[in-house]
Amino acid sequence: MTGDVVVRTLKPHEANEYVGALAAVLIDCVEGGASVGFMLPMPQEKAQAFWQGVADAVAAGERILLIAEDKVSAEIIGTVQVVLKQPENQPHRGDISKMLVHRKARRRGVGAVLLQAAEKAAREAGKSVLVLDTVTGSDGERLYTRLDWKSVGIIPNYALWPQGGLCPTTVFYKQLGGT
């Protein structure tokens, strides 16, 4: 199951090295129908530009970027971010962003180990509450519920599917400790 997966946090100087591999995961997810902020078609240049922006945010200390690698192939098969930079009155909060698992790696526990690692990284960064949103009825929603995230509610017509058409989202939070 997840014994063949290594999850690690990319250091600021490493993030740039993985832009291409992360772009491949993003493209796969969007082409697979995931509503993660992008529309089809999803060109390589757009995906790489997105990840370059993430790498810049990691270098600025605004985000934590985690990757899941297949132990055998060393291929990146998943990723998640913890957004650290928050408004002045919310220094204790972080956002989980772009939880992505390549279609060929799904149903292997990759999402669960990524999320648990993200929670740990957020706790170590001094965050006590995390928030996220995901398409209602998705595999992500089931994962977050299984890992004890609390649903706040559903927002209808929140976003578009990559191929068009509106989808609802469920908003979740998790207390990591503290106030």
N, C-alpha and C. Protein backbone atom coordinates (compact mmCIF):
# COMPACT_ATOMS: atom_id res chain seq x y z
N MET A 1 0.85 -1.18 0.00
CA MET A 1 0.00 0.00 0.00
C MET A 1 0.89 1.24 0.00
N THR A 2 1.04 1.91 1.14
CA THR A 2 1.83 3.15 1.15
C THR A 2 3.29 2.90 1.48
N GLY A 3 3.68 1.64 1.68
CA GLY A 3 5.08 1.33 1.95
C GLY A 3 5.98 1.59 0.76
N ASP A 4 5.37 1.71 -0.41
CA ASP A 4 6.17 1.98 -1.62
C ASP A 4 6.18 3.46 -1.98
N VAL A 5 5.79 4.31 -1.01
CA VAL A 5 5.70 5.75 -1.23
C VAL A 5 6.51 6.48 -0.16
N VAL A 6 7.27 7.48 -0.60
CA VAL A 6 8.01 8.34 0.31
C VAL A 6 7.42 9.74 0.19
N VAL A 7 7.06 10.34 1.33
CA VAL A 7 6.57 11.72 1.35
C VAL A 7 7.63 12.57 2.01
N ARG A 8 7.93 13.69 1.35
CA ARG A 8 8.91 14.60 1.94
C ARG A 8 8.58 16.04 1.59
N THR A 9 9.10 16.92 2.42
CA THR A 9 8.93 18.36 2.21
C THR A 9 10.08 18.86 1.37
N LEU A 10 9.74 19.60 0.32
CA LEU A 10 10.80 20.18 -0.52
C LEU A 10 11.37 21.41 0.16
N LYS A 11 12.66 21.49 0.18
CA LYS A 11 13.33 22.67 0.70
C LYS A 11 13.23 23.78 -0.35
N PRO A 12 13.31 25.03 0.07
CA PRO A 12 13.16 26.13 -0.88
C PRO A 12 14.04 26.01 -2.13
N HIS A 13 15.28 25.58 -1.96
CA HIS A 13 16.18 25.47 -3.12
C HIS A 13 15.83 24.28 -4.02
N GLU A 14 15.04 23.32 -3.52
CA GLU A 14 14.66 22.14 -4.31
C GLU A 14 13.41 22.37 -5.16
N ALA A 15 12.54 23.25 -4.73
CA ALA A 15 11.22 23.38 -5.36
C ALA A 15 11.33 23.65 -6.86
N ASN A 16 12.28 24.48 -7.26
CA ASN A 16 12.45 24.78 -8.69
C ASN A 16 12.80 23.54 -9.51
N GLU A 17 13.52 22.61 -8.91
CA GLU A 17 13.93 21.40 -9.61
C GLU A 17 12.76 20.51 -9.99
N TYR A 18 11.64 20.64 -9.30
CA TYR A 18 10.52 19.73 -9.48
C TYR A 18 9.35 20.33 -10.25
N VAL A 19 9.53 21.51 -10.81
CA VAL A 19 8.45 22.19 -11.53
C VAL A 19 7.87 21.31 -12.64
N GLY A 20 8.73 20.71 -13.45
CA GLY A 20 8.26 19.87 -14.55
C GLY A 20 7.50 18.65 -14.09
N ALA A 21 8.01 17.97 -13.08
CA ALA A 21 7.35 16.76 -12.57
C ALA A 21 6.02 17.10 -11.91
N LEU A 22 5.98 18.20 -11.18
CA LEU A 22 4.73 18.63 -10.56
C LEU A 22 3.71 19.05 -11.61
N ALA A 23 4.18 19.68 -12.68
CA ALA A 23 3.29 20.06 -13.78
C ALA A 23 2.64 18.82 -14.37
N ALA A 24 3.38 17.74 -14.50
CA ALA A 24 2.82 16.50 -15.05
C ALA A 24 1.70 15.96 -14.17
N VAL A 25 1.86 16.03 -12.85
CA VAL A 25 0.81 15.57 -11.94
C VAL A 25 -0.42 16.47 -12.06
N LEU A 26 -0.20 17.77 -12.10
CA LEU A 26 -1.32 18.71 -12.24
C LEU A 26 -2.09 18.47 -13.54
N ILE A 27 -1.37 18.33 -14.63
CA ILE A 27 -2.02 18.10 -15.93
C ILE A 27 -2.83 16.81 -15.89
N ASP A 28 -2.26 15.76 -15.33
CA ASP A 28 -2.98 14.49 -15.23
C ASP A 28 -4.28 14.65 -14.45
N CYS A 29 -4.22 15.36 -13.34
CA CYS A 29 -5.41 15.54 -12.51
C CYS A 29 -6.48 16.36 -13.25
N VAL A 30 -6.08 17.44 -13.89
CA VAL A 30 -7.03 18.27 -14.62
C VAL A 30 -7.62 17.48 -15.79
N GLU A 31 -6.78 16.77 -16.53
CA GLU A 31 -7.28 15.96 -17.64
C GLU A 31 -8.18 14.83 -17.16
N GLY A 32 -8.00 14.42 -15.90
CA GLY A 32 -8.84 13.39 -15.31
C GLY A 32 -10.14 13.94 -14.73
N GLY A 33 -10.36 15.26 -14.86
CA GLY A 33 -11.62 15.85 -14.43
C GLY A 33 -11.61 16.51 -13.06
N ALA A 34 -10.45 16.64 -12.43
CA ALA A 34 -10.39 17.26 -11.10
C ALA A 34 -10.60 18.76 -11.20
N SER A 35 -11.48 19.26 -10.36
CA SER A 35 -11.72 20.71 -10.27
C SER A 35 -10.74 21.29 -9.26
N VAL A 36 -9.57 21.70 -9.77
CA VAL A 36 -8.50 22.19 -8.90
C VAL A 36 -8.01 23.56 -9.35
N GLY A 37 -8.91 24.32 -9.98
CA GLY A 37 -8.58 25.70 -10.32
C GLY A 37 -8.19 25.94 -11.76
N PHE A 38 -8.20 24.91 -12.58
CA PHE A 38 -7.77 25.06 -13.97
C PHE A 38 -8.81 24.46 -14.92
N MET A 39 -8.83 25.02 -16.12
CA MET A 39 -9.76 24.56 -17.16
C MET A 39 -8.98 23.83 -18.25
N LEU A 40 -9.67 22.97 -18.96
CA LEU A 40 -9.10 22.31 -20.14
C LEU A 40 -9.15 23.25 -21.33
N PRO A 41 -8.25 23.19 -22.25
CA PRO A 41 -7.05 22.35 -22.19
C PRO A 41 -6.04 22.92 -21.19
N MET A 42 -5.20 22.04 -20.69
CA MET A 42 -4.21 22.41 -19.68
C MET A 42 -2.81 22.27 -20.29
N PRO A 43 -2.30 23.35 -20.89
CA PRO A 43 -0.98 23.26 -21.52
C PRO A 43 0.16 23.18 -20.50
N GLN A 44 1.22 22.55 -20.91
CA GLN A 44 2.41 22.39 -20.08
C GLN A 44 2.92 23.74 -19.56
N GLU A 45 2.91 24.75 -20.42
CA GLU A 45 3.43 26.06 -20.02
C GLU A 45 2.64 26.66 -18.85
N LYS A 46 1.32 26.50 -18.90
CA LYS A 46 0.47 27.02 -17.81
C LYS A 46 0.74 26.27 -16.51
N ALA A 47 0.86 24.96 -16.61
CA ALA A 47 1.12 24.15 -15.42
C ALA A 47 2.49 24.49 -14.83
N GLN A 48 3.49 24.66 -15.68
CA GLN A 48 4.81 24.99 -15.18
C GLN A 48 4.84 26.39 -14.57
N ALA A 49 4.12 27.33 -15.16
CA ALA A 49 4.06 28.68 -14.61
C ALA A 49 3.42 28.65 -13.22
N PHE A 50 2.37 27.85 -13.06
CA PHE A 50 1.75 27.72 -11.74
C PHE A 50 2.77 27.21 -10.72
N TRP A 51 3.47 26.13 -11.06
CA TRP A 51 4.41 25.54 -10.11
C TRP A 51 5.61 26.44 -9.87
N GLN A 52 5.99 27.24 -10.85
CA GLN A 52 7.07 28.20 -10.62
C GLN A 52 6.64 29.22 -9.57
N GLY A 53 5.37 29.64 -9.64
CA GLY A 53 4.83 30.55 -8.62
C GLY A 53 4.82 29.90 -7.25
N VAL A 54 4.49 28.63 -7.19
CA VAL A 54 4.52 27.91 -5.91
C VAL A 54 5.95 27.84 -5.40
N ALA A 55 6.89 27.51 -6.28
CA ALA A 55 8.30 27.44 -5.87
C ALA A 55 8.76 28.78 -5.31
N ASP A 56 8.34 29.87 -5.93
CA ASP A 56 8.69 31.21 -5.44
C ASP A 56 8.09 31.44 -4.05
N ALA A 57 6.85 30.98 -3.84
CA ALA A 57 6.19 31.14 -2.53
C ALA A 57 6.87 30.28 -1.47
N VAL A 58 7.35 29.11 -1.85
CA VAL A 58 8.11 28.26 -0.92
C VAL A 58 9.39 28.98 -0.52
N ALA A 59 10.09 29.55 -1.52
CA ALA A 59 11.33 30.26 -1.25
C ALA A 59 11.10 31.47 -0.34
N ALA A 60 9.92 32.08 -0.45
CA ALA A 60 9.59 33.25 0.38
C ALA A 60 9.07 32.85 1.76
N GLY A 61 8.95 31.55 2.03
CA GLY A 61 8.45 31.09 3.33
C GLY A 61 6.95 31.19 3.48
N GLU A 62 6.23 31.34 2.37
CA GLU A 62 4.78 31.49 2.41
C GLU A 62 4.03 30.17 2.29
N ARG A 63 4.70 29.13 1.83
CA ARG A 63 4.07 27.82 1.64
C ARG A 63 5.05 26.71 1.99
N ILE A 64 4.47 25.59 2.35
CA ILE A 64 5.22 24.34 2.49
C ILE A 64 4.75 23.46 1.34
N LEU A 65 5.68 22.85 0.63
CA LEU A 65 5.36 21.99 -0.50
C LEU A 65 5.85 20.58 -0.21
N LEU A 66 4.90 19.65 -0.19
CA LEU A 66 5.22 18.25 0.05
C LEU A 66 5.00 17.45 -1.23
N ILE A 67 5.83 16.43 -1.42
CA ILE A 67 5.66 15.55 -2.57
C ILE A 67 5.62 14.10 -2.10
N ALA A 68 4.93 13.28 -2.87
CA ALA A 68 4.93 11.83 -2.66
C ALA A 68 5.64 11.24 -3.86
N GLU A 69 6.66 10.43 -3.58
CA GLU A 69 7.43 9.79 -4.63
C GLU A 69 7.28 8.28 -4.55
N ASP A 70 7.18 7.65 -5.69
CA ASP A 70 7.19 6.20 -5.77
C ASP A 70 8.61 5.74 -5.46
N LYS A 71 8.76 4.84 -4.48
CA LYS A 71 10.11 4.39 -4.08
C LYS A 71 10.86 3.70 -5.20
N VAL A 72 10.14 2.98 -6.04
CA VAL A 72 10.80 2.21 -7.09
C VAL A 72 11.23 3.10 -8.25
N SER A 73 10.30 3.91 -8.76
CA SER A 73 10.60 4.72 -9.95
C SER A 73 11.14 6.11 -9.62
N ALA A 74 11.01 6.53 -8.36
CA ALA A 74 11.36 7.89 -7.91
C ALA A 74 10.52 8.96 -8.59
N GLU A 75 9.42 8.55 -9.20
CA GLU A 75 8.51 9.48 -9.87
C GLU A 75 7.60 10.16 -8.85
N ILE A 76 7.35 11.45 -9.06
CA ILE A 76 6.40 12.15 -8.20
C ILE A 76 5.00 11.71 -8.59
N ILE A 77 4.26 11.21 -7.59
CA ILE A 77 2.91 10.70 -7.84
C ILE A 77 1.84 11.48 -7.08
N GLY A 78 2.27 12.45 -6.27
CA GLY A 78 1.31 13.26 -5.54
C GLY A 78 1.98 14.45 -4.89
N THR A 79 1.15 15.40 -4.49
CA THR A 79 1.67 16.61 -3.85
C THR A 79 0.56 17.28 -3.06
N VAL A 80 0.95 18.09 -2.10
CA VAL A 80 0.03 18.93 -1.35
C VAL A 80 0.82 20.11 -0.81
N GLN A 81 0.12 21.21 -0.57
CA GLN A 81 0.75 22.41 -0.02
C GLN A 81 0.05 22.84 1.26
N VAL A 82 0.82 23.44 2.13
CA VAL A 82 0.27 24.13 3.29
C VAL A 82 0.56 25.61 3.07
N VAL A 83 -0.50 26.39 2.95
CA VAL A 83 -0.33 27.83 2.77
C VAL A 83 -0.18 28.45 4.15
N LEU A 84 0.99 28.98 4.40
CA LEU A 84 1.31 29.56 5.70
C LEU A 84 0.92 31.02 5.80
N LYS A 85 1.09 31.75 4.71
CA LYS A 85 0.84 33.20 4.71
C LYS A 85 -0.66 33.45 4.82
N GLN A 86 -1.03 34.11 5.92
CA GLN A 86 -2.43 34.38 6.21
C GLN A 86 -2.58 35.85 6.65
N PRO A 87 -3.81 36.33 6.71
CA PRO A 87 -4.01 37.70 7.21
C PRO A 87 -3.44 37.88 8.62
N GLU A 88 -3.17 39.09 8.96
CA GLU A 88 -2.55 39.44 10.24
C GLU A 88 -3.29 38.87 11.45
N ASN A 89 -4.62 38.79 11.36
CA ASN A 89 -5.40 38.31 12.50
C ASN A 89 -5.59 36.79 12.49
N GLN A 90 -4.89 36.08 11.60
CA GLN A 90 -5.03 34.62 11.53
C GLN A 90 -3.68 33.92 11.44
N PRO A 91 -2.73 34.31 12.27
CA PRO A 91 -1.40 33.69 12.17
C PRO A 91 -1.39 32.21 12.56
N HIS A 92 -2.42 31.76 13.24
CA HIS A 92 -2.53 30.39 13.72
C HIS A 92 -3.15 29.45 12.67
N ARG A 93 -3.64 30.00 11.55
CA ARG A 93 -4.37 29.22 10.55
C ARG A 93 -3.50 28.95 9.33
N GLY A 94 -3.73 27.78 8.73
CA GLY A 94 -3.11 27.44 7.45
C GLY A 94 -4.16 26.87 6.53
N ASP A 95 -3.89 26.89 5.25
CA ASP A 95 -4.79 26.31 4.25
C ASP A 95 -4.10 25.12 3.59
N ILE A 96 -4.86 24.07 3.38
CA ILE A 96 -4.38 22.95 2.57
C ILE A 96 -4.77 23.27 1.14
N SER A 97 -3.80 23.16 0.24
CA SER A 97 -4.03 23.55 -1.15
C SER A 97 -3.44 22.51 -2.11
N LYS A 98 -4.11 22.36 -3.23
CA LYS A 98 -3.66 21.51 -4.34
C LYS A 98 -3.19 20.13 -3.89
N MET A 99 -4.11 19.43 -3.19
CA MET A 99 -3.89 18.02 -2.88
C MET A 99 -4.13 17.27 -4.18
N LEU A 100 -3.05 16.77 -4.78
CA LEU A 100 -3.11 16.13 -6.09
C LEU A 100 -2.45 14.76 -6.03
N VAL A 101 -3.14 13.76 -6.56
CA VAL A 101 -2.56 12.42 -6.69
C VAL A 101 -2.77 11.98 -8.13
N HIS A 102 -1.68 11.59 -8.77
CA HIS A 102 -1.75 11.12 -10.15
C HIS A 102 -2.72 9.95 -10.24
N ARG A 103 -3.48 9.89 -11.32
CA ARG A 103 -4.50 8.83 -11.46
C ARG A 103 -3.91 7.44 -11.33
N LYS A 104 -2.70 7.21 -11.80
CA LYS A 104 -2.13 5.87 -11.72
C LYS A 104 -1.73 5.47 -10.29
N ALA A 105 -1.72 6.43 -9.38
CA ALA A 105 -1.31 6.15 -7.99
C ALA A 105 -2.48 6.18 -7.01
N ARG A 106 -3.68 6.35 -7.50
CA ARG A 106 -4.82 6.45 -6.59
C ARG A 106 -5.20 5.09 -6.03
N ARG A 107 -5.90 5.16 -4.90
CA ARG A 107 -6.36 3.97 -4.17
C ARG A 107 -5.18 3.18 -3.57
N ARG A 108 -4.09 3.89 -3.29
CA ARG A 108 -2.91 3.28 -2.67
C ARG A 108 -2.58 3.95 -1.34
N GLY A 109 -3.42 4.87 -0.89
CA GLY A 109 -3.17 5.55 0.37
C GLY A 109 -2.27 6.76 0.26
N VAL A 110 -1.96 7.17 -0.96
CA VAL A 110 -1.05 8.31 -1.16
C VAL A 110 -1.65 9.59 -0.59
N GLY A 111 -2.93 9.83 -0.86
CA GLY A 111 -3.58 11.03 -0.35
C GLY A 111 -3.54 11.09 1.17
N ALA A 112 -3.79 9.96 1.80
CA ALA A 112 -3.79 9.93 3.27
C ALA A 112 -2.41 10.26 3.84
N VAL A 113 -1.35 9.65 3.29
CA VAL A 113 -0.02 9.94 3.84
C VAL A 113 0.40 11.37 3.54
N LEU A 114 0.00 11.90 2.38
CA LEU A 114 0.29 13.31 2.08
C LEU A 114 -0.41 14.23 3.07
N LEU A 115 -1.69 13.98 3.32
CA LEU A 115 -2.45 14.84 4.22
C LEU A 115 -1.90 14.77 5.64
N GLN A 116 -1.58 13.58 6.11
CA GLN A 116 -1.02 13.45 7.45
C GLN A 116 0.33 14.17 7.56
N ALA A 117 1.13 14.08 6.52
CA ALA A 117 2.41 14.80 6.52
C ALA A 117 2.20 16.31 6.50
N ALA A 118 1.18 16.76 5.76
CA ALA A 118 0.87 18.19 5.70
C ALA A 118 0.40 18.69 7.06
N GLU A 119 -0.42 17.91 7.73
CA GLU A 119 -0.88 18.28 9.07
C GLU A 119 0.30 18.41 10.03
N LYS A 120 1.22 17.45 9.96
CA LYS A 120 2.41 17.48 10.82
C LYS A 120 3.26 18.71 10.51
N ALA A 121 3.48 18.98 9.24
CA ALA A 121 4.28 20.15 8.84
C ALA A 121 3.63 21.44 9.30
N ALA A 122 2.31 21.51 9.19
CA ALA A 122 1.58 22.71 9.63
C ALA A 122 1.72 22.89 11.15
N ARG A 123 1.59 21.80 11.89
CA ARG A 123 1.75 21.85 13.34
C ARG A 123 3.15 22.34 13.69
N GLU A 124 4.16 21.80 13.01
CA GLU A 124 5.54 22.21 13.27
C GLU A 124 5.78 23.67 12.89
N ALA A 125 4.99 24.20 11.97
CA ALA A 125 5.10 25.61 11.57
C ALA A 125 4.29 26.52 12.49
N GLY A 126 3.68 25.96 13.54
CA GLY A 126 2.94 26.76 14.50
C GLY A 126 1.47 26.97 14.18
N LYS A 127 0.95 26.21 13.24
CA LYS A 127 -0.48 26.35 12.90
C LYS A 127 -1.31 25.44 13.80
N SER A 128 -2.47 25.93 14.21
CA SER A 128 -3.34 25.14 15.08
C SER A 128 -4.68 24.81 14.44
N VAL A 129 -4.97 25.42 13.30
CA VAL A 129 -6.20 25.07 12.58
C VAL A 129 -5.90 25.13 11.08
N LEU A 130 -6.44 24.15 10.37
CA LEU A 130 -6.29 24.10 8.92
C LEU A 130 -7.67 24.12 8.27
N VAL A 131 -7.74 24.68 7.07
CA VAL A 131 -8.99 24.67 6.31
C VAL A 131 -8.69 24.23 4.87
N LEU A 132 -9.72 23.71 4.23
CA LEU A 132 -9.62 23.31 2.83
C LEU A 132 -11.01 23.21 2.25
N ASP A 133 -11.07 23.10 0.93
CA ASP A 133 -12.35 22.81 0.27
C ASP A 133 -12.10 21.78 -0.81
N THR A 134 -13.14 21.01 -1.11
CA THR A 134 -13.05 19.98 -2.13
C THR A 134 -14.41 19.77 -2.76
N VAL A 135 -14.42 19.23 -3.95
CA VAL A 135 -15.67 18.97 -4.65
C VAL A 135 -16.54 18.02 -3.82
N THR A 136 -17.76 18.41 -3.61
CA THR A 136 -18.72 17.59 -2.86
C THR A 136 -18.92 16.25 -3.56
N GLY A 137 -18.84 15.17 -2.79
CA GLY A 137 -19.03 13.84 -3.33
C GLY A 137 -17.78 13.22 -3.92
N SER A 138 -16.66 13.92 -3.85
CA SER A 138 -15.41 13.44 -4.45
C SER A 138 -14.68 12.46 -3.54
N ASP A 139 -13.65 11.83 -4.12
CA ASP A 139 -12.77 10.98 -3.32
C ASP A 139 -12.12 11.80 -2.22
N GLY A 140 -11.79 13.05 -2.54
CA GLY A 140 -11.20 13.94 -1.53
C GLY A 140 -12.10 14.13 -0.33
N GLU A 141 -13.39 14.34 -0.59
CA GLU A 141 -14.34 14.52 0.52
C GLU A 141 -14.35 13.28 1.42
N ARG A 142 -14.34 12.11 0.83
CA ARG A 142 -14.33 10.87 1.62
C ARG A 142 -13.03 10.75 2.41
N LEU A 143 -11.91 11.13 1.79
CA LEU A 143 -10.62 11.07 2.48
C LEU A 143 -10.60 12.00 3.69
N TYR A 144 -11.02 13.24 3.51
CA TYR A 144 -10.98 14.21 4.61
C TYR A 144 -11.90 13.78 5.74
N THR A 145 -13.05 13.26 5.41
CA THR A 145 -13.98 12.78 6.44
C THR A 145 -13.35 11.61 7.21
N ARG A 146 -12.74 10.69 6.49
CA ARG A 146 -12.11 9.52 7.11
C ARG A 146 -10.97 9.93 8.04
N LEU A 147 -10.27 11.03 7.72
CA LEU A 147 -9.14 11.48 8.54
C LEU A 147 -9.54 12.54 9.56
N ASP A 148 -10.82 12.54 9.91
CA ASP A 148 -11.36 13.35 11.02
C ASP A 148 -11.39 14.85 10.77
N TRP A 149 -11.45 15.26 9.52
CA TRP A 149 -11.71 16.65 9.22
C TRP A 149 -13.20 16.90 9.41
N LYS A 150 -13.56 18.10 9.84
CA LYS A 150 -14.95 18.45 10.10
C LYS A 150 -15.52 19.27 8.94
N SER A 151 -16.66 18.83 8.44
CA SER A 151 -17.33 19.55 7.37
C SER A 151 -18.06 20.76 7.94
N VAL A 152 -17.86 21.90 7.31
CA VAL A 152 -18.54 23.13 7.71
C VAL A 152 -19.85 23.27 6.93
N GLY A 153 -19.81 22.85 5.67
CA GLY A 153 -21.00 22.94 4.84
C GLY A 153 -20.66 22.88 3.36
N ILE A 154 -21.70 22.96 2.57
CA ILE A 154 -21.58 22.86 1.13
C ILE A 154 -21.96 24.19 0.48
N ILE A 155 -21.16 24.60 -0.48
CA ILE A 155 -21.46 25.80 -1.27
C ILE A 155 -21.83 25.32 -2.67
N PRO A 156 -23.08 25.50 -3.08
CA PRO A 156 -23.46 25.07 -4.42
C PRO A 156 -22.83 25.96 -5.49
N ASN A 157 -22.62 25.41 -6.67
CA ASN A 157 -22.13 26.18 -7.82
C ASN A 157 -20.87 26.97 -7.50
N TYR A 158 -19.98 26.38 -6.76
CA TYR A 158 -18.78 27.06 -6.28
C TYR A 158 -17.72 27.25 -7.37
N ALA A 159 -17.53 26.23 -8.18
CA ALA A 159 -16.46 26.27 -9.18
C ALA A 159 -16.91 25.56 -10.45
N LEU A 160 -16.04 25.59 -11.44
CA LEU A 160 -16.31 24.88 -12.68
C LEU A 160 -15.48 23.60 -12.75
N TRP A 161 -16.06 22.57 -13.35
CA TRP A 161 -15.28 21.40 -13.72
C TRP A 161 -14.32 21.84 -14.84
N PRO A 162 -13.21 21.14 -15.03
CA PRO A 162 -12.25 21.55 -16.07
C PRO A 162 -12.85 21.57 -17.47
N GLN A 163 -13.84 20.75 -17.71
CA GLN A 163 -14.48 20.70 -19.02
C GLN A 163 -15.71 21.60 -19.09
N GLY A 164 -16.01 22.31 -18.01
CA GLY A 164 -17.18 23.20 -17.94
C GLY A 164 -18.28 22.59 -17.09
N GLY A 165 -19.21 23.41 -16.67
CA GLY A 165 -20.28 22.97 -15.79
C GLY A 165 -19.93 23.21 -14.34
N LEU A 166 -20.90 23.66 -13.58
CA LEU A 166 -20.68 24.03 -12.17
C LEU A 166 -20.65 22.81 -11.26
N CYS A 167 -19.87 22.92 -10.21
CA CYS A 167 -19.83 21.86 -9.19
C CYS A 167 -19.87 22.50 -7.80
N PRO A 168 -20.44 21.77 -6.84
CA PRO A 168 -20.46 22.26 -5.46
C PRO A 168 -19.15 21.92 -4.74
N THR A 169 -18.89 22.62 -3.65
CA THR A 169 -17.72 22.30 -2.83
C THR A 169 -18.13 22.16 -1.38
N THR A 170 -17.41 21.31 -0.68
CA THR A 170 -17.58 21.15 0.76
C THR A 170 -16.37 21.77 1.44
N VAL A 171 -16.61 22.58 2.44
CA VAL A 171 -15.55 23.25 3.18
C VAL A 171 -15.29 22.45 4.45
N PHE A 172 -14.02 22.22 4.75
CA PHE A 172 -13.60 21.44 5.92
C PHE A 172 -12.61 22.24 6.77
N TYR A 173 -12.50 21.86 8.04
CA TYR A 173 -11.45 22.38 8.92
C TYR A 173 -10.97 21.25 9.82
N LYS A 174 -9.79 21.45 10.38
CA LYS A 174 -9.27 20.51 11.37
C LYS A 174 -8.48 21.28 12.41
N GLN A 175 -8.80 21.06 13.67
CA GLN A 175 -8.04 21.65 14.77
C GLN A 175 -6.81 20.77 15.01
N LEU A 176 -5.65 21.38 15.02
CA LEU A 176 -4.41 20.64 15.24
C LEU A 176 -3.95 20.75 16.69
N GLY A 177 -4.56 21.62 17.43
CA GLY A 177 -4.15 21.87 18.80
C GLY A 177 -4.11 23.35 19.06
N GLY A 178 -3.92 23.73 20.27
CA GLY A 178 -3.90 25.16 20.61
C GLY A 178 -5.31 25.71 20.68
N THR A 179 -5.45 27.04 20.55
CA THR A 179 -6.76 27.65 20.67
C THR A 179 -7.47 27.75 19.35
